Amino acid sequence: DAEHWGLLGAAPCAARLGRPVPRSIELHTVTQGGSLADDTHFDSGSLWTLDVMLATPGDDFDGGYLQTPERGTRHHHEFGHG
């Protein structure tokens, strides 16, 4: 972290709480028509959020995409297995 963003050392509670640990681990199964298209959604209390695709687009399903809010719009990302 010190070589990249410096977030851990700058956190007011870093000395008291120590290294970060997983706060929440979730498995989401998204079915046809499902989404989280909420521009106000955020993971409060998280230092970072990690998404891992467990299926192969084009083989296991068709359609769908990963979006993140950026500068007042939704940005689409390539998101594949792994």
C-alpha atoms as a PDB file:
ATOM      1  CA  ASP A   1       0.000   0.000   0.000  1.00  0.00           C
ATOM      2  CA  ALA A   2       2.745   2.486   0.847  1.00  0.00           C
ATOM      3  CA  GLU A   3       4.107   2.096  -2.703  1.00  0.00           C
ATOM      4  CA  HIS A   4       0.722   2.703  -4.329  1.00  0.00           C
ATOM      5  CA  TRP A   5      -2.162   4.599  -2.726  1.00  0.00           C
ATOM      6  CA  GLY A   6      -1.086   5.103   0.889  1.00  0.00           C
ATOM      7  CA  LEU A   7      -4.616   4.479   2.141  1.00  0.00           C
ATOM      8  CA  LEU A   8      -3.748   2.131   4.986  1.00  0.00           C
ATOM      9  CA  GLY A   9      -1.173   4.323   6.671  1.00  0.00           C
ATOM     10  CA  ALA A  10      -3.355   7.420   6.261  1.00  0.00           C
ATOM     11  CA  ALA A  11      -6.421   5.850   7.906  1.00  0.00           C
ATOM     12  CA  PRO A  12      -7.012   7.400  11.348  1.00  0.00           C
ATOM     13  CA  CYS A  13      -7.591   3.967  12.892  1.00  0.00           C
ATOM     14  CA  ALA A  14      -4.684   2.125  11.191  1.00  0.00           C
ATOM     15  CA  ALA A  15      -2.422   2.019  14.246  1.00  0.00           C
ATOM     16  CA  ARG A  16      -5.262   0.958  16.534  1.00  0.00           C
ATOM     17  CA  LEU A  17      -6.984  -1.608  14.263  1.00  0.00           C
ATOM     18  CA  GLY A  18      -4.081  -3.072  12.310  1.00  0.00           C
ATOM     19  CA  ARG A  19      -4.208  -4.632   8.834  1.00  0.00           C
ATOM     20  CA  PRO A  20      -7.515  -4.726   6.962  1.00  0.00           C
ATOM     21  CA  VAL A  21      -9.511  -7.948   6.906  1.00  0.00           C
ATOM     22  CA  PRO A  22     -12.579  -8.982   4.905  1.00  0.00           C
ATOM     23  CA  ARG A  23     -15.618  -7.174   6.277  1.00  0.00           C
ATOM     24  CA  SER A  24     -18.136  -8.972   4.147  1.00  0.00           C
ATOM     25  CA  ILE A  25     -17.935 -11.784   1.620  1.00  0.00           C
ATOM     26  CA  GLU A  26     -21.018 -12.232  -0.552  1.00  0.00           C
ATOM     27  CA  LEU A  27     -22.084 -14.498  -3.403  1.00  0.00           C
ATOM     28  CA  HIS A  28     -24.535 -12.909  -5.829  1.00  0.00           C
ATOM     29  CA  THR A  29     -26.406 -14.942  -8.418  1.00  0.00           C
ATOM     30  CA  VAL A  30     -27.837 -12.626 -11.058  1.00  0.00           C
ATOM     31  CA  THR A  31     -30.623 -14.024 -13.195  1.00  0.00           C
ATOM     32  CA  GLN A  32     -32.091 -12.713 -16.440  1.00  0.00           C
ATOM     33  CA  GLY A  33     -33.434  -9.203 -15.901  1.00  0.00           C
ATOM     34  CA  GLY A  34     -31.524  -8.760 -12.616  1.00  0.00           C
ATOM     35  CA  SER A  35     -29.252  -5.821 -11.897  1.00  0.00           C
ATOM     36  CA  LEU A  36     -28.088  -3.270  -9.372  1.00  0.00           C
ATOM     37  CA  ALA A  37     -28.699  -0.183 -11.492  1.00  0.00           C
ATOM     38  CA  ASP A  38     -28.698   2.224  -8.534  1.00  0.00           C
ATOM     39  CA  ASP A  39     -26.515   5.292  -9.011  1.00  0.00           C
ATOM     40  CA  THR A  40     -26.544   5.959  -5.249  1.00  0.00           C
ATOM     41  CA  HIS A  41     -25.319   2.480  -4.200  1.00  0.00           C
ATOM     42  CA  PHE A  42     -21.924   2.234  -2.534  1.00  0.00           C
ATOM     43  CA  ASP A  43     -20.243  -0.174  -0.131  1.00  0.00           C
ATOM     44  CA  SER A  44     -20.122   1.915   3.031  1.00  0.00           C
ATOM     45  CA  GLY A  45     -17.322   0.973   5.381  1.00  0.00           C
ATOM     46  CA  SER A  46     -15.293  -0.823   2.724  1.00  0.00           C
ATOM     47  CA  LEU A  47     -11.731   0.072   1.838  1.00  0.00           C
ATOM     48  CA  TRP A  48     -12.203  -1.693  -1.513  1.00  0.00           C
ATOM     49  CA  THR A  49     -14.686  -3.899  -3.323  1.00  0.00           C
ATOM     50  CA  LEU A  50     -13.605  -6.903  -5.360  1.00  0.00           C
ATOM     51  CA  ASP A  51     -15.831  -8.611  -7.934  1.00  0.00           C
ATOM     52  CA  VAL A  52     -14.919 -12.022  -9.355  1.00  0.00           C
ATOM     53  CA  MET A  53     -16.772 -13.599 -12.274  1.00  0.00           C
ATOM     54  CA  LEU A  54     -17.389 -17.316 -11.708  1.00  0.00           C
ATOM     55  CA  ALA A  55     -19.008 -17.944 -15.102  1.00  0.00           C
ATOM     56  CA  THR A  56     -17.808 -17.563 -18.677  1.00  0.00           C
ATOM     57  CA  PRO A  57     -19.692 -14.946 -20.710  1.00  0.00           C
ATOM     58  CA  GLY A  58     -20.870 -16.381 -24.029  1.00  0.00           C
ATOM     59  CA  ASP A  59     -20.634 -19.969 -22.728  1.00  0.00           C
ATOM     60  CA  ASP A  60     -22.580 -19.877 -19.458  1.00  0.00           C
ATOM     61  CA  PHE A  61     -24.803 -16.892 -20.288  1.00  0.00           C
ATOM     62  CA  ASP A  62     -25.440 -14.192 -22.882  1.00  0.00           C
ATOM     63  CA  GLY A  63     -25.714 -10.470 -22.218  1.00  0.00           C
ATOM     64  CA  GLY A  64     -25.003  -8.555 -19.065  1.00  0.00           C
ATOM     65  CA  TYR A  65     -22.144  -6.258 -18.147  1.00  0.00           C
ATOM     66  CA  LEU A  66     -20.342  -4.682 -15.201  1.00  0.00           C
ATOM     67  CA  GLN A  67     -20.937  -0.967 -14.671  1.00  0.00           C
ATOM     68  CA  THR A  68     -19.420   1.580 -12.310  1.00  0.00           C
ATOM     69  CA  PRO A  69     -20.531   5.175 -11.763  1.00  0.00           C
ATOM     70  CA  GLU A  70     -18.039   7.658 -13.193  1.00  0.00           C
ATOM     71  CA  ARG A  71     -18.491  11.401 -13.630  1.00  0.00           C
ATOM     72  CA  GLY A  72     -22.293  11.320 -13.653  1.00  0.00           C
ATOM     73  CA  THR A  73     -22.636   8.361 -16.030  1.00  0.00           C
ATOM     74  CA  ARG A  74     -22.264   4.582 -15.933  1.00  0.00           C
ATOM     75  CA  HIS A  75     -19.041   3.152 -17.350  1.00  0.00           C
ATOM     76  CA  HIS A  76     -19.158  -0.360 -18.871  1.00  0.00           C
ATOM     77  CA  HIS A  77     -16.223  -2.695 -18.166  1.00  0.00           C
ATOM     78  CA  GLU A  78     -15.082  -5.923 -19.764  1.00  0.00           C
ATOM     79  CA  PHE A  79     -15.763  -8.601 -17.177  1.00  0.00           C
ATOM     80  CA  GLY A  80     -14.862 -12.230 -17.742  1.00  0.00           C
ATOM     81  CA  HIS A  81     -14.231 -15.452 -15.863  1.00  0.00           C
ATOM     82  CA  GLY A  82     -11.436 -15.274 -13.305  1.00  0.00           C
END
